[in-house]
Amino acid sequence: LEIILVDVDTGLPVALRQALRLELVLLHAKFPPAGREKWSRKEFDENIVKERERTHFLLTGDVSLTMKDGRAVVGWLWLTGKSYGDNGKFRIGSRVVPGTFDGARVHEAITNPLLNVGVSVTHGILDSV
């Protein structure tokens, strides 16, 4: 998975002089509402799936990235738990780490809805979860 910074007006890749610190988060599948391609930072933050008490992080792996020359590569991600609501569907979002960039707003990025199809191994038997 590669995250590329693009100019909203031209759709062309943009390389900033400054490296950006990014974080990946788990989002509800129904975000954004149907037909909307723009949202506020507050709306994005309100749709981040929060971890429950006494559980591990829901999304682990390469969740902290550095974007250089307008590009960041995700090595691997791991989802913990079995259900994220919305019938097991979710999105992965990317945002600039709050407080680390003072330039123009860099709009958050989101994937299409994904289905959590987990697999576990118990006593040598492969089970779908």
C-alpha atoms as a PDB file:
ATOM      1  CA  LEU A   1       0.000   0.000   0.000  1.00  0.00           C
ATOM      2  CA  GLU A   2       1.374   3.402  -0.962  1.00  0.00           C
ATOM      3  CA  ILE A   3       0.034   6.776   0.114  1.00  0.00           C
ATOM      4  CA  ILE A   4       0.632   9.576  -2.388  1.00  0.00           C
ATOM      5  CA  LEU A   5       0.061  13.279  -1.749  1.00  0.00           C
ATOM      6  CA  VAL A   6      -1.826  14.850  -4.670  1.00  0.00           C
ATOM      7  CA  ASP A   7      -2.887  18.389  -5.510  1.00  0.00           C
ATOM      8  CA  VAL A   8      -6.668  18.677  -5.083  1.00  0.00           C
ATOM      9  CA  ASP A   9      -6.990  20.936  -8.152  1.00  0.00           C
ATOM     10  CA  THR A  10      -4.800  19.063 -10.648  1.00  0.00           C
ATOM     11  CA  GLY A  11      -4.829  15.505  -9.296  1.00  0.00           C
ATOM     12  CA  LEU A  12      -1.054  15.384  -9.822  1.00  0.00           C
ATOM     13  CA  PRO A  13       1.427  14.125  -7.196  1.00  0.00           C
ATOM     14  CA  VAL A  14       3.006  16.800  -4.985  1.00  0.00           C
ATOM     15  CA  ALA A  15       6.356  16.647  -3.202  1.00  0.00           C
ATOM     16  CA  LEU A  16       6.713  18.849  -0.118  1.00  0.00           C
ATOM     17  CA  ARG A  17      10.113  20.033   1.083  1.00  0.00           C
ATOM     18  CA  GLN A  18       9.191  18.963   4.603  1.00  0.00           C
ATOM     19  CA  ALA A  19       8.624  15.332   5.564  1.00  0.00           C
ATOM     20  CA  LEU A  20       5.144  14.651   6.969  1.00  0.00           C
ATOM     21  CA  ARG A  21       4.407  12.375   9.912  1.00  0.00           C
ATOM     22  CA  LEU A  22       1.346  10.238   9.135  1.00  0.00           C
ATOM     23  CA  GLU A  23      -0.718   7.830  11.180  1.00  0.00           C
ATOM     24  CA  LEU A  24      -3.078   5.119   9.993  1.00  0.00           C
ATOM     25  CA  VAL A  25      -6.373   4.620  11.812  1.00  0.00           C
ATOM     26  CA  LEU A  26      -9.346   2.281  11.597  1.00  0.00           C
ATOM     27  CA  LEU A  27     -12.562   3.983  10.430  1.00  0.00           C
ATOM     28  CA  HIS A  28     -16.217   2.982  10.404  1.00  0.00           C
ATOM     29  CA  ALA A  29     -17.194   1.592   6.971  1.00  0.00           C
ATOM     30  CA  LYS A  30     -20.139   3.998   6.595  1.00  0.00           C
ATOM     31  CA  PHE A  31     -17.837   7.037   6.663  1.00  0.00           C
ATOM     32  CA  PRO A  32     -18.150   9.296   4.772  1.00  0.00           C
ATOM     33  CA  PRO A  33     -21.885   9.393   4.104  1.00  0.00           C
ATOM     34  CA  ALA A  34     -22.833   8.196   0.604  1.00  0.00           C
ATOM     35  CA  GLY A  35     -21.794  10.484  -2.209  1.00  0.00           C
ATOM     36  CA  ARG A  36     -19.535  12.767  -0.142  1.00  0.00           C
ATOM     37  CA  GLU A  37     -15.878  13.147  -1.034  1.00  0.00           C
ATOM     38  CA  LYS A  38     -15.121  15.965   1.416  1.00  0.00           C
ATOM     39  CA  TRP A  39     -15.340  16.064   5.191  1.00  0.00           C
ATOM     40  CA  SER A  40     -14.031  18.117   8.085  1.00  0.00           C
ATOM     41  CA  ARG A  41     -11.167  17.051  10.330  1.00  0.00           C
ATOM     42  CA  LYS A  42     -13.725  16.768  13.165  1.00  0.00           C
ATOM     43  CA  GLU A  43     -15.955  14.406  11.123  1.00  0.00           C
ATOM     44  CA  PHE A  44     -12.929  12.234  10.318  1.00  0.00           C
ATOM     45  CA  ASP A  45     -11.862  12.095  13.983  1.00  0.00           C
ATOM     46  CA  GLU A  46     -15.403  11.215  15.131  1.00  0.00           C
ATOM     47  CA  ASN A  47     -15.426   8.163  12.831  1.00  0.00           C
ATOM     48  CA  ILE A  48     -12.200   6.599  14.101  1.00  0.00           C
ATOM     49  CA  VAL A  49     -12.966   3.201  15.658  1.00  0.00           C
ATOM     50  CA  LYS A  50     -11.900   3.398  19.290  1.00  0.00           C
ATOM     51  CA  GLU A  51     -10.421   0.444  21.126  1.00  0.00           C
ATOM     52  CA  ARG A  52     -12.430  -1.041  23.945  1.00  0.00           C
ATOM     53  CA  GLU A  53     -11.161  -1.194  27.521  1.00  0.00           C
ATOM     54  CA  ARG A  54      -8.722  -4.038  28.200  1.00  0.00           C
ATOM     55  CA  THR A  55      -8.139  -4.737  24.527  1.00  0.00           C
ATOM     56  CA  HIS A  56      -5.120  -4.204  22.334  1.00  0.00           C
ATOM     57  CA  PHE A  57      -4.898  -1.646  19.582  1.00  0.00           C
ATOM     58  CA  LEU A  58      -7.327  -2.482  16.778  1.00  0.00           C
ATOM     59  CA  LEU A  59      -4.842  -1.664  14.012  1.00  0.00           C
ATOM     60  CA  THR A  60      -1.161  -2.512  14.461  1.00  0.00           C
ATOM     61  CA  GLY A  61       1.919  -2.754  12.274  1.00  0.00           C
ATOM     62  CA  ASP A  62       3.177   0.145  10.166  1.00  0.00           C
ATOM     63  CA  VAL A  63       0.662   2.641  11.553  1.00  0.00           C
ATOM     64  CA  SER A  64       3.215   5.466  12.007  1.00  0.00           C
ATOM     65  CA  LEU A  65       4.760   6.576   8.725  1.00  0.00           C
ATOM     66  CA  THR A  66       6.999   9.313   7.365  1.00  0.00           C
ATOM     67  CA  MET A  67       5.998  10.768   4.017  1.00  0.00           C
ATOM     68  CA  LYS A  68       8.993  11.974   2.004  1.00  0.00           C
ATOM     69  CA  ASP A  69       8.737  13.595  -1.412  1.00  0.00           C
ATOM     70  CA  GLY A  70       4.959  13.148  -1.261  1.00  0.00           C
ATOM     71  CA  ARG A  71       5.028   9.352  -0.811  1.00  0.00           C
ATOM     72  CA  ALA A  72       4.789   6.886   2.086  1.00  0.00           C
ATOM     73  CA  VAL A  73       4.825   3.091   1.854  1.00  0.00           C
ATOM     74  CA  VAL A  74       2.969   0.819   4.288  1.00  0.00           C
ATOM     75  CA  GLY A  75       4.873  -2.408   4.918  1.00  0.00           C
ATOM     76  CA  TRP A  76       2.271  -4.430   6.823  1.00  0.00           C
ATOM     77  CA  LEU A  77      -0.868  -3.996   8.919  1.00  0.00           C
ATOM     78  CA  TRP A  78      -2.579  -6.314  11.374  1.00  0.00           C
ATOM     79  CA  LEU A  79      -6.162  -6.107  12.630  1.00  0.00           C
ATOM     80  CA  THR A  80      -6.944  -7.396  16.106  1.00  0.00           C
ATOM     81  CA  GLY A  81     -10.366  -8.563  17.257  1.00  0.00           C
ATOM     82  CA  LYS A  82     -13.168 -10.013  15.160  1.00  0.00           C
ATOM     83  CA  SER A  83     -15.771  -7.331  14.601  1.00  0.00           C
ATOM     84  CA  TYR A  84     -15.611  -3.642  13.871  1.00  0.00           C
ATOM     85  CA  GLY A  85     -19.329  -3.022  13.425  1.00  0.00           C
ATOM     86  CA  ASP A  86     -20.930  -2.367  10.056  1.00  0.00           C
ATOM     87  CA  ASN A  87     -21.130  -6.151   9.383  1.00  0.00           C
ATOM     88  CA  GLY A  88     -17.381  -6.639   9.845  1.00  0.00           C
ATOM     89  CA  LYS A  89     -16.535  -3.911   7.324  1.00  0.00           C
ATOM     90  CA  PHE A  90     -14.171  -1.039   7.979  1.00  0.00           C
ATOM     91  CA  ARG A  91     -11.951   1.502   6.240  1.00  0.00           C
ATOM     92  CA  ILE A  92      -8.345   2.431   6.845  1.00  0.00           C
ATOM     93  CA  GLY A  93      -7.674   6.151   7.049  1.00  0.00           C
ATOM     94  CA  SER A  94      -4.485   8.175   6.936  1.00  0.00           C
ATOM     95  CA  ARG A  95      -3.951  11.606   8.453  1.00  0.00           C
ATOM     96  CA  VAL A  96      -1.110  13.944   9.308  1.00  0.00           C
ATOM     97  CA  VAL A  97      -0.247  13.495  12.983  1.00  0.00           C
ATOM     98  CA  PRO A  98      -2.010  16.402  14.732  1.00  0.00           C
ATOM     99  CA  GLY A  99       0.329  19.261  15.648  1.00  0.00           C
ATOM    100  CA  THR A 100       3.215  18.193  13.381  1.00  0.00           C
ATOM    101  CA  PHE A 101       2.554  20.327  10.272  1.00  0.00           C
ATOM    102  CA  ASP A 102       1.743  24.043  10.111  1.00  0.00           C
ATOM    103  CA  GLY A 103       1.208  24.371   6.350  1.00  0.00           C
ATOM    104  CA  ALA A 104      -1.999  24.169   4.332  1.00  0.00           C
ATOM    105  CA  ARG A 105      -4.442  21.467   5.392  1.00  0.00           C
ATOM    106  CA  VAL A 106      -3.538  18.031   4.106  1.00  0.00           C
ATOM    107  CA  HIS A 107      -6.859  16.245   3.625  1.00  0.00           C
ATOM    108  CA  GLU A 108      -7.162  12.802   5.186  1.00  0.00           C
ATOM    109  CA  ALA A 109      -7.163   9.743   2.922  1.00  0.00           C
ATOM    110  CA  ILE A 110      -9.442   6.700   3.186  1.00  0.00           C
ATOM    111  CA  THR A 111      -9.672   3.285   1.561  1.00  0.00           C
ATOM    112  CA  ASN A 112     -12.810   1.788   0.082  1.00  0.00           C
ATOM    113  CA  PRO A 113     -14.747  -0.328   2.620  1.00  0.00           C
ATOM    114  CA  LEU A 114     -12.904  -3.561   3.435  1.00  0.00           C
ATOM    115  CA  LEU A 115     -14.273  -6.791   4.904  1.00  0.00           C
ATOM    116  CA  ASN A 116     -12.512  -8.279   7.927  1.00  0.00           C
ATOM    117  CA  VAL A 117     -11.986 -11.917   7.019  1.00  0.00           C
ATOM    118  CA  GLY A 118      -9.832 -13.179   9.850  1.00  0.00           C
ATOM    119  CA  VAL A 119      -8.135 -16.547  10.055  1.00  0.00           C
ATOM    120  CA  SER A 120      -6.971 -18.298  13.200  1.00  0.00           C
ATOM    121  CA  VAL A 121      -5.070 -21.502  13.818  1.00  0.00           C
ATOM    122  CA  THR A 122      -6.214 -23.667  16.736  1.00  0.00           C
ATOM    123  CA  HIS A 123      -4.504 -27.006  17.406  1.00  0.00           C
ATOM    124  CA  GLY A 124      -3.278 -27.189  13.823  1.00  0.00           C
ATOM    125  CA  ILE A 125      -6.760 -26.644  12.321  1.00  0.00           C
ATOM    126  CA  LEU A 126      -7.267 -23.573  10.150  1.00  0.00           C
ATOM    127  CA  ASP A 127     -10.528 -21.802  11.016  1.00  0.00           C
ATOM    128  CA  SER A 128     -12.140 -18.748   9.483  1.00  0.00           C
ATOM    129  CA  VAL A 129     -13.216 -16.243  12.149  1.00  0.00           C
END
